[in-house]
Amino acid sequence: MTFGAIKAAVRRLPEFSGMPEILGLIERAGHREGVSVWDYPFASCLAVGGTETAALPGAAAVFCSLLSIHLVDDMLDDEPHGDFRRLGTGQTANLALALQAAGH
């Protein structure tokens, strides 16, 4: 399963359809090729005879959690290019909580 498929699964969440800020964060998210933590649900599911399609919700949950963590970490570390500089700390915190809730 591709990283694009994971991002598409998160974009399809109905809760995010009216939240252009989150959709923008999802679009800007990137990764390096190789094994990433959102690959683990696929490997685990395949190891027990499942399919990649069945693992997609788990991978999307990991993606949401990581995006949330990065938003908060950038605020705590006062990152010069953090999204909170554009969105404000209050809105960034709310977006991070929305992503965390979606991941759960």
N, C-alpha and C. Protein backbone atom coordinates (compact mmCIF):
# COMPACT_ATOMS: atom_id res chain seq x y z
N MET A 1 0.86 -1.17 0.00
CA MET A 1 0.00 0.00 0.00
C MET A 1 0.91 1.23 0.00
N THR A 2 0.51 2.24 -0.72
CA THR A 2 1.34 3.43 -0.85
C THR A 2 1.03 4.46 0.23
N PHE A 3 1.97 5.36 0.43
CA PHE A 3 1.76 6.46 1.36
C PHE A 3 0.59 7.32 0.90
N GLY A 4 0.45 7.48 -0.41
CA GLY A 4 -0.68 8.23 -0.96
C GLY A 4 -2.02 7.60 -0.60
N ALA A 5 -2.08 6.27 -0.56
CA ALA A 5 -3.33 5.59 -0.18
C ALA A 5 -3.66 5.85 1.29
N ILE A 6 -2.64 5.91 2.14
CA ILE A 6 -2.88 6.20 3.55
C ILE A 6 -3.42 7.62 3.69
N LYS A 7 -2.78 8.57 3.02
CA LYS A 7 -3.24 9.96 3.09
C LYS A 7 -4.65 10.09 2.54
N ALA A 8 -4.97 9.37 1.48
CA ALA A 8 -6.32 9.42 0.89
C ALA A 8 -7.36 8.88 1.87
N ALA A 9 -7.00 7.82 2.61
CA ALA A 9 -7.94 7.25 3.59
C ALA A 9 -8.24 8.27 4.69
N VAL A 10 -7.24 9.01 5.11
CA VAL A 10 -7.46 10.03 6.15
C VAL A 10 -8.26 11.20 5.58
N ARG A 11 -7.97 11.61 4.36
CA ARG A 11 -8.73 12.70 3.73
C ARG A 11 -10.21 12.36 3.61
N ARG A 12 -10.53 11.07 3.45
CA ARG A 12 -11.93 10.66 3.27
C ARG A 12 -12.73 10.65 4.57
N LEU A 13 -12.09 10.83 5.71
CA LEU A 13 -12.84 10.85 6.97
C LEU A 13 -13.84 12.00 6.92
N PRO A 14 -15.11 11.72 7.16
CA PRO A 14 -16.12 12.78 7.05
C PRO A 14 -15.89 13.94 8.01
N GLU A 15 -15.28 13.68 9.14
CA GLU A 15 -15.01 14.75 10.10
C GLU A 15 -14.05 15.79 9.55
N PHE A 16 -13.21 15.40 8.60
CA PHE A 16 -12.21 16.31 8.06
C PHE A 16 -12.66 17.03 6.80
N SER A 17 -13.82 16.67 6.25
CA SER A 17 -14.24 17.26 4.97
C SER A 17 -14.42 18.77 5.05
N GLY A 18 -14.81 19.30 6.20
CA GLY A 18 -14.99 20.74 6.35
C GLY A 18 -13.84 21.42 7.04
N MET A 19 -12.68 20.77 7.09
CA MET A 19 -11.52 21.32 7.79
C MET A 19 -10.36 21.49 6.82
N PRO A 20 -10.35 22.59 6.05
CA PRO A 20 -9.29 22.75 5.05
C PRO A 20 -7.89 22.79 5.66
N GLU A 21 -7.76 23.22 6.91
CA GLU A 21 -6.44 23.26 7.54
C GLU A 21 -5.87 21.86 7.69
N ILE A 22 -6.70 20.92 8.14
CA ILE A 22 -6.23 19.53 8.29
C ILE A 22 -5.95 18.93 6.92
N LEU A 23 -6.81 19.18 5.96
CA LEU A 23 -6.57 18.64 4.61
C LEU A 23 -5.25 19.16 4.06
N GLY A 24 -4.92 20.41 4.34
CA GLY A 24 -3.64 20.97 3.90
C GLY A 24 -2.46 20.31 4.60
N LEU A 25 -2.61 20.07 5.91
CA LEU A 25 -1.54 19.39 6.65
C LEU A 25 -1.30 17.99 6.11
N ILE A 26 -2.39 17.30 5.78
CA ILE A 26 -2.27 15.95 5.22
C ILE A 26 -1.54 16.00 3.89
N GLU A 27 -1.90 16.96 3.05
CA GLU A 27 -1.26 17.07 1.74
C GLU A 27 0.23 17.35 1.85
N ARG A 28 0.63 18.18 2.80
CA ARG A 28 2.04 18.55 2.94
C ARG A 28 2.87 17.47 3.62
N ALA A 29 2.23 16.51 4.27
CA ALA A 29 2.97 15.46 4.98
C ALA A 29 3.77 14.63 3.97
N GLY A 30 4.98 14.33 4.35
CA GLY A 30 5.84 13.52 3.49
C GLY A 30 6.51 12.43 4.29
N HIS A 31 7.24 11.60 3.60
CA HIS A 31 7.99 10.54 4.27
C HIS A 31 9.14 10.13 3.39
N ARG A 32 10.08 9.44 4.00
CA ARG A 32 11.20 8.88 3.25
C ARG A 32 10.88 7.43 2.92
N GLU A 33 11.31 7.03 1.75
CA GLU A 33 11.08 5.63 1.36
C GLU A 33 11.80 4.69 2.33
N GLY A 34 11.27 3.51 2.45
CA GLY A 34 11.81 2.53 3.38
C GLY A 34 10.73 2.17 4.38
N VAL A 35 11.11 1.53 5.43
CA VAL A 35 10.14 1.12 6.43
C VAL A 35 9.80 2.30 7.34
N SER A 36 8.53 2.63 7.38
CA SER A 36 8.02 3.68 8.25
C SER A 36 7.06 3.03 9.24
N VAL A 37 6.77 3.73 10.33
CA VAL A 37 5.92 3.13 11.35
C VAL A 37 4.52 2.81 10.82
N TRP A 38 4.04 3.53 9.81
CA TRP A 38 2.72 3.20 9.29
C TRP A 38 2.77 1.98 8.39
N ASP A 39 3.97 1.46 8.12
CA ASP A 39 4.09 0.19 7.39
C ASP A 39 3.83 -1.01 8.29
N TYR A 40 3.97 -0.85 9.59
CA TYR A 40 3.83 -1.98 10.51
C TYR A 40 2.43 -2.61 10.49
N PRO A 41 1.35 -1.84 10.43
CA PRO A 41 0.04 -2.50 10.35
C PRO A 41 -0.08 -3.41 9.13
N PHE A 42 0.51 -3.00 8.00
CA PHE A 42 0.46 -3.84 6.80
C PHE A 42 1.24 -5.12 7.01
N ALA A 43 2.46 -5.00 7.52
CA ALA A 43 3.29 -6.19 7.76
C ALA A 43 2.62 -7.13 8.75
N SER A 44 2.05 -6.58 9.80
CA SER A 44 1.39 -7.41 10.82
C SER A 44 0.18 -8.13 10.24
N CYS A 45 -0.61 -7.42 9.49
CA CYS A 45 -1.82 -8.01 8.91
C CYS A 45 -1.46 -9.11 7.91
N LEU A 46 -0.47 -8.84 7.06
CA LEU A 46 -0.05 -9.84 6.08
C LEU A 46 0.54 -11.07 6.77
N ALA A 47 1.23 -10.87 7.89
CA ALA A 47 1.86 -11.98 8.60
C ALA A 47 0.85 -12.99 9.13
N VAL A 48 -0.37 -12.54 9.38
CA VAL A 48 -1.39 -13.46 9.91
C VAL A 48 -2.44 -13.82 8.86
N GLY A 49 -2.11 -13.57 7.59
CA GLY A 49 -2.99 -13.99 6.50
C GLY A 49 -3.99 -12.95 6.05
N GLY A 50 -3.90 -11.73 6.57
CA GLY A 50 -4.82 -10.67 6.17
C GLY A 50 -4.36 -9.97 4.90
N THR A 51 -5.05 -8.93 4.57
CA THR A 51 -4.74 -8.17 3.36
C THR A 51 -4.29 -6.76 3.71
N GLU A 52 -3.64 -6.11 2.76
CA GLU A 52 -3.25 -4.72 2.96
C GLU A 52 -4.48 -3.83 3.13
N THR A 53 -5.54 -4.14 2.41
CA THR A 53 -6.76 -3.35 2.53
C THR A 53 -7.31 -3.40 3.95
N ALA A 54 -7.23 -4.55 4.57
CA ALA A 54 -7.71 -4.67 5.95
C ALA A 54 -6.85 -3.88 6.93
N ALA A 55 -5.59 -3.66 6.59
CA ALA A 55 -4.67 -2.94 7.47
C ALA A 55 -4.72 -1.43 7.27
N LEU A 56 -5.37 -0.96 6.22
CA LEU A 56 -5.38 0.47 5.91
C LEU A 56 -5.89 1.33 7.06
N PRO A 57 -6.97 0.98 7.75
CA PRO A 57 -7.40 1.82 8.88
C PRO A 57 -6.34 1.94 9.98
N GLY A 58 -5.63 0.87 10.24
CA GLY A 58 -4.56 0.92 11.24
C GLY A 58 -3.43 1.83 10.82
N ALA A 59 -3.04 1.75 9.56
CA ALA A 59 -1.98 2.62 9.05
C ALA A 59 -2.42 4.08 9.06
N ALA A 60 -3.67 4.33 8.72
CA ALA A 60 -4.20 5.70 8.75
C ALA A 60 -4.22 6.23 10.19
N ALA A 61 -4.53 5.38 11.16
CA ALA A 61 -4.53 5.80 12.56
C ALA A 61 -3.13 6.18 13.02
N VAL A 62 -2.13 5.40 12.62
CA VAL A 62 -0.75 5.72 12.96
C VAL A 62 -0.35 7.05 12.33
N PHE A 63 -0.72 7.25 11.07
CA PHE A 63 -0.43 8.51 10.38
C PHE A 63 -1.04 9.69 11.13
N CYS A 64 -2.32 9.58 11.52
CA CYS A 64 -2.98 10.66 12.25
C CYS A 64 -2.27 10.95 13.57
N SER A 65 -1.90 9.91 14.28
CA SER A 65 -1.20 10.09 15.55
C SER A 65 0.14 10.79 15.36
N LEU A 66 0.89 10.38 14.36
CA LEU A 66 2.19 11.01 14.12
C LEU A 66 2.05 12.47 13.71
N LEU A 67 1.08 12.77 12.87
CA LEU A 67 0.87 14.16 12.46
C LEU A 67 0.51 15.01 13.67
N SER A 68 -0.31 14.49 14.54
CA SER A 68 -0.66 15.17 15.79
C SER A 68 0.57 15.42 16.65
N ILE A 69 1.37 14.39 16.82
CA ILE A 69 2.59 14.50 17.64
C ILE A 69 3.52 15.56 17.08
N HIS A 70 3.70 15.58 15.77
CA HIS A 70 4.60 16.57 15.15
C HIS A 70 4.09 18.00 15.34
N LEU A 71 2.79 18.19 15.26
CA LEU A 71 2.24 19.53 15.46
C LEU A 71 2.54 20.04 16.87
N VAL A 72 2.31 19.19 17.86
CA VAL A 72 2.55 19.58 19.25
C VAL A 72 4.04 19.73 19.52
N ASP A 73 4.85 18.82 19.01
CA ASP A 73 6.29 18.88 19.23
C ASP A 73 6.88 20.17 18.65
N ASP A 74 6.41 20.58 17.49
CA ASP A 74 6.90 21.83 16.89
C ASP A 74 6.57 23.03 17.78
N MET A 75 5.39 23.03 18.39
CA MET A 75 5.05 24.12 19.31
C MET A 75 5.95 24.09 20.54
N LEU A 76 6.13 22.91 21.12
CA LEU A 76 6.94 22.80 22.34
C LEU A 76 8.40 23.17 22.08
N ASP A 77 8.89 22.83 20.90
CA ASP A 77 10.29 23.12 20.56
C ASP A 77 10.46 24.49 19.91
N ASP A 78 9.35 25.22 19.74
CA ASP A 78 9.38 26.55 19.13
C ASP A 78 10.08 26.52 17.77
N GLU A 79 9.71 25.52 16.97
CA GLU A 79 10.31 25.35 15.64
C GLU A 79 10.07 26.59 14.78
N PRO A 80 11.10 27.08 14.12
CA PRO A 80 10.94 28.30 13.33
C PRO A 80 10.01 28.13 12.12
N HIS A 81 9.86 26.91 11.62
CA HIS A 81 9.01 26.68 10.45
C HIS A 81 7.77 25.84 10.78
N GLY A 82 7.44 25.74 12.07
CA GLY A 82 6.29 24.95 12.49
C GLY A 82 4.98 25.53 11.95
N ASP A 83 4.03 24.67 11.70
CA ASP A 83 2.71 25.11 11.20
C ASP A 83 2.01 26.05 12.17
N PHE A 84 2.32 25.95 13.45
CA PHE A 84 1.67 26.82 14.44
C PHE A 84 1.98 28.29 14.19
N ARG A 85 3.08 28.58 13.52
CA ARG A 85 3.43 29.97 13.22
C ARG A 85 2.43 30.58 12.24
N ARG A 86 1.91 29.75 11.36
CA ARG A 86 0.93 30.21 10.37
C ARG A 86 -0.49 30.12 10.91
N LEU A 87 -0.77 29.06 11.66
CA LEU A 87 -2.13 28.79 12.11
C LEU A 87 -2.45 29.37 13.49
N GLY A 88 -1.43 29.64 14.29
CA GLY A 88 -1.63 30.05 15.67
C GLY A 88 -1.60 28.84 16.58
N THR A 89 -1.19 29.06 17.82
CA THR A 89 -1.04 27.92 18.73
C THR A 89 -2.38 27.29 19.12
N GLY A 90 -3.40 28.11 19.34
CA GLY A 90 -4.70 27.55 19.71
C GLY A 90 -5.28 26.67 18.63
N GLN A 91 -5.28 27.17 17.40
CA GLN A 91 -5.83 26.38 16.30
C GLN A 91 -4.98 25.14 16.04
N THR A 92 -3.67 25.27 16.15
CA THR A 92 -2.80 24.11 15.94
C THR A 92 -3.06 23.04 17.00
N ALA A 93 -3.23 23.46 18.24
CA ALA A 93 -3.53 22.51 19.31
C ALA A 93 -4.86 21.81 19.03
N ASN A 94 -5.86 22.55 18.59
CA ASN A 94 -7.16 21.94 18.27
C ASN A 94 -7.05 20.96 17.11
N LEU A 95 -6.27 21.31 16.09
CA LEU A 95 -6.08 20.40 14.96
C LEU A 95 -5.34 19.14 15.40
N ALA A 96 -4.35 19.31 16.27
CA ALA A 96 -3.62 18.15 16.78
C ALA A 96 -4.55 17.22 17.55
N LEU A 97 -5.46 17.80 18.35
CA LEU A 97 -6.41 16.97 19.09
C LEU A 97 -7.39 16.28 18.16
N ALA A 98 -7.82 16.97 17.09
CA ALA A 98 -8.70 16.33 16.12
C ALA A 98 -8.01 15.15 15.44
N LEU A 99 -6.75 15.33 15.09
CA LEU A 99 -6.00 14.22 14.48
C LEU A 99 -5.80 13.08 15.47
N GLN A 100 -5.52 13.42 16.72
CA GLN A 100 -5.37 12.39 17.75
C GLN A 100 -6.66 11.61 17.92
N ALA A 101 -7.78 12.32 17.97
CA ALA A 101 -9.07 11.64 18.10
C ALA A 101 -9.35 10.74 16.91
N ALA A 102 -9.04 11.20 15.72
CA ALA A 102 -9.23 10.38 14.52
C ALA A 102 -8.36 9.12 14.58
N GLY A 103 -7.15 9.28 15.07
CA GLY A 103 -6.26 8.12 15.20
C GLY A 103 -6.78 7.08 16.17
N HIS A 104 -7.45 7.55 17.20
CA HIS A 104 -8.00 6.61 18.18
C HIS A 104 -9.25 5.96 17.67
